Amino acid sequence: MPEMTGIGSASAGVGPHSRRGRESAAKRTATIQAGLARIIEGEILPRLAFAHREDRRAQASAIRKPTPERVGAFASALIESDQQGEWMCALLGEGLPLDVLLLDLFGPAARHLGQLWEEDEANFLDVAVALGRLQGLTRALCARLEEVDAPVNGRRVLLMPCPGETHLFSLTLVASFFREAGWDVVLSNGVNEDPASLVHAERFDLIGISLSCDVLLPVMADLVAKLRGASCNPGIRVMVGGPLFLREPACAVTVGADAAARNGRSAVEIAEALFAR
C-alpha cells in the first residue's frame, strides 16, 4: 500500500510519520473490509433464501459459471464507470440463478476489489466507489429475482471465525446457505460476545468455525473443547471449514470437530447428514 512503502523491518527506523502512515493504511483497509461485509451481510445474505435448491441442483450441470477473467473484467468495470442499467439487463439476459450471480460473480468481484487495494493496483477511493456500485447493483438485481421465502427446519447454527482469524468474507456466504436451507443462523465475529457464554445461554444444534492458517490450529482445538463443555446442548455438533481444511482435511480430527466442509454448498449437506445419523 502507498503508506507502507519504504518502511524497514527495524523498529528504530520507524518515526511518527511512518506510524501515522500505517495507522492510515489500517483504517483504510478496515473501511474496505467493512464495505465487503456490508455487501455480503446487508445485501447478499438476506436474499439467497429466495432461490430454489432443488431447481438449481437439476440445472447445475448446464450452468456455466463466470470465469476468473470475467470476474476481473466485471470488477474493473465497476471501477471505471457506473452502468447499472446496462449491467442489469446483461446479467438478467444470461439467465443465471441468483446464487450463481451472487456467489460466483458478485462475491469474487468484491474480493477482487479488496485485493486490488491490498496489492496497490487501485486506490482507496476507486475501490470504495466500486464497492458502492456493487452494493447498489446487488440490491437492484435481487429485488428483481426474489420470489419465495425459505422453509424453516427448526435447527440453529452458530457460525464464527477462530479467535485471531481475520478472513470473515467466506463465513458470511456459508451463513446464506444455512439460511436458505431453513436454519436459524447466528453469525458472530467472536469479539463482541463470548461464544462460550452464548452456547451456554442459548441452544444450538451446530457450531461452525472457520480458519485459514495452521498457526491458529491449537487455538481452534482449545475453542472446540471449550464450546462443547459450555454448551447447554450435550449433543452439539461442530463443523470446521476454511482454506486450512481444504489443504489438510485431517486437521478437522485434530481440533476435535465432527466434520469439515469445503464450501457453503457442502456445509449444509454435511450438517444435515450429521443429524440424520
Protein backbone atom coordinates (compact mmCIF):
# COMPACT_ATOMS: atom_id res chain seq x y z
CA MET A 1 0.00 0.00 0.00
CA PRO A 2 1.23 3.51 -0.64
CA GLU A 3 1.54 4.47 3.01
CA MET A 4 3.67 1.40 3.74
CA THR A 5 6.26 1.95 1.05
CA GLY A 6 9.81 2.22 2.34
CA ILE A 7 9.15 1.07 5.89
CA GLY A 8 12.02 -1.12 7.06
CA SER A 9 11.94 -4.01 9.46
CA ALA A 10 13.92 -2.29 12.24
CA SER A 11 11.64 -0.57 14.71
CA ALA A 12 14.25 2.08 15.43
CA GLY A 13 13.81 3.42 11.90
CA VAL A 14 10.08 3.96 12.22
CA GLY A 15 9.20 7.55 13.00
CA PRO A 16 5.90 9.25 13.83
CA HIS A 17 5.11 9.90 10.16
CA SER A 18 5.57 6.22 9.34
CA ARG A 19 3.37 5.24 12.26
CA ARG A 20 0.69 7.63 11.09
CA GLY A 21 1.00 6.14 7.62
CA ARG A 22 0.49 2.64 8.97
CA GLU A 23 -2.49 3.78 11.01
CA SER A 24 -3.99 5.45 7.95
CA ALA A 25 -3.45 2.32 5.86
CA ALA A 26 -5.01 0.17 8.58
CA LYS A 27 -8.05 2.44 8.77
CA ARG A 28 -8.50 2.35 5.00
CA THR A 29 -8.11 -1.42 4.94
CA ALA A 30 -10.72 -1.68 7.67
CA THR A 31 -13.02 0.54 5.61
CA ILE A 32 -12.61 -1.71 2.57
CA GLN A 33 -13.27 -4.82 4.66
CA ALA A 34 -16.33 -3.17 6.17
CA GLY A 35 -17.55 -2.41 2.66
CA LEU A 36 -17.18 -6.05 1.69
CA ALA A 37 -19.03 -7.12 4.81
CA ARG A 38 -21.88 -4.69 4.10
CA ILE A 39 -22.35 -6.16 0.64
CA ILE A 40 -22.42 -9.73 1.91
CA GLU A 41 -24.27 -9.27 5.19
CA GLY A 42 -26.56 -6.42 4.14
CA GLU A 43 -27.39 -7.36 0.57
CA ILE A 44 -26.50 -10.95 -0.27
CA LEU A 45 -27.31 -12.88 2.91
CA PRO A 46 -30.93 -11.81 3.30
CA ARG A 47 -31.67 -12.68 -0.31
CA LEU A 48 -30.09 -16.04 -1.05
CA ALA A 49 -33.02 -17.70 0.69
CA PHE A 50 -35.13 -16.87 -2.34
CA ALA A 51 -33.52 -19.35 -4.71
CA HIS A 52 -34.87 -22.89 -5.16
CA ARG A 53 -32.32 -25.50 -4.13
CA GLU A 54 -33.82 -28.44 -5.99
CA ASP A 55 -34.19 -26.46 -9.23
CA ARG A 56 -30.58 -25.32 -9.01
CA ARG A 57 -29.34 -28.88 -8.48
CA ALA A 58 -31.16 -30.01 -11.59
CA GLN A 59 -29.70 -27.13 -13.60
CA ALA A 60 -26.19 -27.19 -12.09
CA SER A 61 -24.62 -29.32 -14.79
CA ALA A 62 -25.84 -26.97 -17.52
CA ILE A 63 -24.74 -23.73 -15.80
CA ARG A 64 -21.52 -22.18 -16.98
CA LYS A 65 -20.17 -20.20 -14.07
CA PRO A 66 -18.29 -16.91 -14.52
CA THR A 67 -14.59 -17.39 -15.19
CA PRO A 68 -11.85 -15.57 -13.23
CA GLU A 69 -11.32 -13.41 -16.30
CA ARG A 70 -14.98 -12.46 -16.28
CA VAL A 71 -14.81 -11.65 -12.57
CA GLY A 72 -11.75 -9.44 -13.10
CA ALA A 73 -13.37 -7.64 -16.01
CA PHE A 74 -16.54 -7.05 -14.00
CA ALA A 75 -14.54 -5.63 -11.09
CA SER A 76 -12.63 -3.33 -13.44
CA ALA A 77 -15.89 -2.15 -14.98
CA LEU A 78 -17.21 -1.28 -11.53
CA ILE A 79 -14.19 0.95 -11.02
CA GLU A 80 -14.31 2.60 -14.42
CA SER A 81 -17.96 3.53 -14.82
CA ASP A 82 -21.49 3.38 -13.44
CA GLN A 83 -23.66 1.48 -15.92
CA GLN A 84 -26.07 -0.26 -13.59
CA GLY A 85 -28.90 -0.32 -16.11
CA GLU A 86 -26.80 -1.98 -18.79
CA TRP A 87 -25.26 -4.46 -16.36
CA MET A 88 -28.71 -5.36 -15.02
CA CYS A 89 -30.06 -6.15 -18.48
CA ALA A 90 -26.97 -8.17 -19.40
CA LEU A 91 -27.00 -10.22 -16.18
CA LEU A 92 -30.71 -10.94 -16.34
CA GLY A 93 -30.31 -11.90 -20.00
CA GLU A 94 -27.81 -14.63 -19.10
CA GLY A 95 -30.43 -16.46 -17.08
CA LEU A 96 -28.04 -17.45 -14.28
CA PRO A 97 -29.62 -18.47 -10.95
CA LEU A 98 -29.44 -15.91 -8.17
CA ASP A 99 -26.97 -17.91 -6.07
CA VAL A 100 -24.57 -18.22 -9.02
CA LEU A 101 -24.69 -14.49 -9.68
CA LEU A 102 -24.08 -13.64 -6.06
CA LEU A 103 -21.56 -16.31 -5.09
CA ASP A 104 -19.68 -16.84 -8.34
CA LEU A 105 -19.66 -13.30 -9.76
CA PHE A 106 -20.54 -10.64 -7.20
CA GLY A 107 -18.75 -12.26 -4.26
CA PRO A 108 -15.49 -12.91 -6.16
CA ALA A 109 -15.69 -9.42 -7.70
CA ALA A 110 -15.91 -7.88 -4.21
CA ARG A 111 -12.91 -9.92 -3.07
CA HIS A 112 -11.01 -8.94 -6.23
CA LEU A 113 -11.64 -5.28 -5.48
CA GLY A 114 -10.23 -5.77 -2.00
CA GLN A 115 -7.16 -7.47 -3.45
CA LEU A 116 -6.60 -4.58 -5.87
CA TRP A 117 -6.39 -2.24 -2.90
CA GLU A 118 -4.17 -4.56 -0.86
CA GLU A 119 -1.77 -5.02 -3.78
CA ASP A 120 -1.69 -1.28 -4.56
CA GLU A 121 -3.25 -1.75 -8.00
CA ALA A 122 -6.17 0.57 -7.26
CA ASN A 123 -6.50 3.49 -4.88
CA PHE A 124 -8.80 3.67 -1.90
CA LEU A 125 -11.36 5.99 -3.49
CA ASP A 126 -11.73 3.88 -6.64
CA VAL A 127 -12.29 0.70 -4.64
CA ALA A 128 -14.73 2.36 -2.23
CA VAL A 129 -16.78 3.76 -5.13
CA ALA A 130 -16.74 0.40 -6.93
CA LEU A 131 -17.98 -1.36 -3.79
CA GLY A 132 -20.80 1.15 -3.53
CA ARG A 133 -21.78 0.42 -7.13
CA LEU A 134 -21.67 -3.31 -6.48
CA GLN A 135 -23.84 -2.89 -3.41
CA GLY A 136 -26.41 -0.93 -5.40
CA LEU A 137 -26.38 -3.45 -8.23
CA THR A 138 -26.80 -6.33 -5.78
CA ARG A 139 -29.80 -4.63 -4.21
CA ALA A 140 -31.44 -3.86 -7.55
CA LEU A 141 -30.79 -7.28 -9.05
CA CYS A 142 -32.07 -9.16 -6.02
CA ALA A 143 -35.23 -7.06 -5.99
CA ARG A 144 -35.92 -8.39 -9.49
CA LEU A 145 -35.22 -12.02 -8.65
CA GLU A 146 -36.70 -12.51 -5.16
CA GLU A 147 -39.66 -14.85 -5.17
CA VAL A 148 -40.36 -17.11 -2.18
CA ASP A 149 -39.38 -17.45 1.46
CA ALA A 150 -37.15 -20.24 2.72
CA PRO A 151 -38.67 -23.10 4.73
CA VAL A 152 -37.85 -23.49 8.42
CA ASN A 153 -36.34 -26.73 9.69
CA GLY A 154 -36.09 -25.83 13.38
CA ARG A 155 -32.32 -26.16 13.71
CA ARG A 156 -29.91 -23.45 14.90
CA VAL A 157 -26.29 -22.91 13.93
CA LEU A 158 -23.67 -20.57 15.38
CA LEU A 159 -21.07 -19.53 12.81
CA MET A 160 -17.87 -17.81 13.87
CA PRO A 161 -14.19 -17.42 12.99
CA CYS A 162 -11.44 -18.94 15.09
CA PRO A 163 -10.06 -16.31 17.51
CA GLY A 164 -7.32 -14.41 15.68
CA GLU A 165 -8.79 -15.19 12.25
CA THR A 166 -9.31 -12.09 10.10
CA HIS A 167 -10.85 -13.60 6.95
CA LEU A 168 -14.60 -13.34 7.51
CA PHE A 169 -15.84 -12.94 3.96
CA SER A 170 -16.47 -16.62 3.15
CA LEU A 171 -18.11 -17.27 6.51
CA THR A 172 -20.90 -14.86 5.69
CA LEU A 173 -21.56 -16.75 2.47
CA VAL A 174 -21.76 -20.03 4.38
CA ALA A 175 -24.42 -18.39 6.55
CA SER A 176 -26.52 -17.70 3.47
CA PHE A 177 -26.70 -21.37 2.55
CA PHE A 178 -27.79 -22.35 6.04
CA ARG A 179 -30.50 -19.69 5.99
CA GLU A 180 -31.62 -20.92 2.60
CA ALA A 181 -31.95 -24.45 3.98
CA GLY A 182 -34.18 -23.19 6.78
CA TRP A 183 -31.66 -22.97 9.60
CA ASP A 184 -31.79 -20.23 12.22
CA VAL A 185 -28.34 -18.68 11.84
CA VAL A 186 -26.38 -16.65 14.37
CA LEU A 187 -23.26 -15.13 12.82
CA SER A 188 -20.72 -13.97 15.40
CA ASN A 189 -17.36 -12.28 14.97
CA GLY A 190 -16.22 -13.88 18.23
CA VAL A 191 -15.14 -10.50 19.56
CA ASN A 192 -18.23 -8.61 20.71
CA GLU A 193 -19.58 -11.56 22.67
CA ASP A 194 -18.14 -14.61 24.38
CA PRO A 195 -19.13 -17.65 22.29
CA ALA A 196 -18.89 -19.97 25.30
CA SER A 197 -21.39 -17.82 27.20
CA LEU A 198 -23.61 -17.72 24.13
CA VAL A 199 -23.81 -21.51 23.67
CA HIS A 200 -24.36 -21.90 27.42
CA ALA A 201 -27.28 -19.47 27.43
CA GLU A 202 -28.84 -20.44 24.09
CA ARG A 203 -29.40 -23.82 22.48
CA PHE A 204 -27.61 -24.51 19.21
CA ASP A 205 -27.56 -27.73 17.22
CA LEU A 206 -24.35 -26.92 15.36
CA ILE A 207 -21.30 -24.69 15.68
CA GLY A 208 -19.36 -23.81 12.54
CA ILE A 209 -15.85 -22.36 12.88
CA SER A 210 -13.61 -21.08 10.08
CA LEU A 211 -9.82 -20.99 9.94
CA SER A 212 -7.39 -20.14 7.14
CA CYS A 213 -3.93 -20.84 8.62
CA ASP A 214 -2.37 -23.63 10.66
CA VAL A 215 -0.73 -21.22 13.12
CA LEU A 216 -4.04 -20.94 14.96
CA LEU A 217 -4.78 -24.67 14.95
CA PRO A 218 -4.05 -25.10 18.70
CA VAL A 219 -6.31 -22.13 19.42
CA MET A 220 -9.13 -23.75 17.48
CA ALA A 221 -8.67 -27.07 19.29
CA ASP A 222 -8.96 -25.27 22.64
CA LEU A 223 -12.02 -23.39 21.41
CA VAL A 224 -13.82 -26.54 20.25
CA ALA A 225 -13.25 -28.22 23.61
CA LYS A 226 -14.37 -25.09 25.48
CA LEU A 227 -17.56 -24.73 23.44
CA ARG A 228 -18.50 -28.38 23.82
CA GLY A 229 -18.04 -28.12 27.57
CA ALA A 230 -20.03 -24.89 27.85
CA SER A 231 -22.92 -25.83 25.54
CA CYS A 232 -26.33 -26.34 27.10
CA ASN A 233 -26.92 -28.94 24.36
CA PRO A 234 -24.94 -32.09 25.19
CA GLY A 235 -25.42 -33.28 21.62
CA ILE A 236 -23.87 -30.19 20.00
CA ARG A 237 -22.03 -30.88 16.73
CA VAL A 238 -19.03 -28.93 15.50
CA MET A 239 -18.11 -28.34 11.86
CA VAL A 240 -14.97 -26.59 10.64
CA GLY A 241 -14.06 -25.02 7.32
CA GLY A 242 -11.73 -22.64 5.55
CA PRO A 243 -8.59 -22.83 3.40
CA LEU A 244 -6.66 -24.81 6.01
CA PHE A 245 -9.12 -27.69 5.91
CA LEU A 246 -9.14 -27.70 2.13
CA ARG A 247 -5.40 -28.31 2.25
CA GLU A 248 -5.39 -30.60 5.27
CA PRO A 249 -8.81 -32.26 5.85
CA ALA A 250 -7.37 -34.42 8.64
CA CYS A 251 -6.94 -31.29 10.76
CA ALA A 252 -10.65 -31.49 11.50
CA VAL A 253 -9.96 -34.54 13.65
CA THR A 254 -7.01 -32.79 15.26
CA VAL A 255 -9.18 -29.93 16.55
CA GLY A 256 -11.95 -32.27 17.71
CA ALA A 257 -14.58 -31.39 15.09
CA ASP A 258 -17.26 -33.75 13.82
CA ALA A 259 -16.78 -32.78 10.18
CA ALA A 260 -15.15 -30.35 7.75
CA ALA A 261 -16.86 -28.61 4.83
CA ARG A 262 -15.27 -27.48 1.59
CA ASN A 263 -17.70 -24.61 0.95
CA GLY A 264 -21.10 -23.23 1.78
CA ARG A 265 -22.93 -25.60 -0.53
CA SER A 266 -21.41 -28.70 1.04
CA ALA A 267 -21.64 -27.35 4.59
CA VAL A 268 -25.43 -27.66 4.69
CA GLU A 269 -25.41 -31.13 3.16
CA ILE A 270 -22.80 -32.35 5.65
CA ALA A 271 -24.62 -30.73 8.57
CA GLU A 272 -27.90 -32.37 7.65
CA ALA A 273 -26.12 -35.71 7.27
CA LEU A 274 -24.71 -35.33 10.80
CA PHE A 275 -28.23 -35.10 12.21
CA ALA A 276 -29.56 -37.90 10.04
CA ARG A 277 -27.34 -40.45 11.76
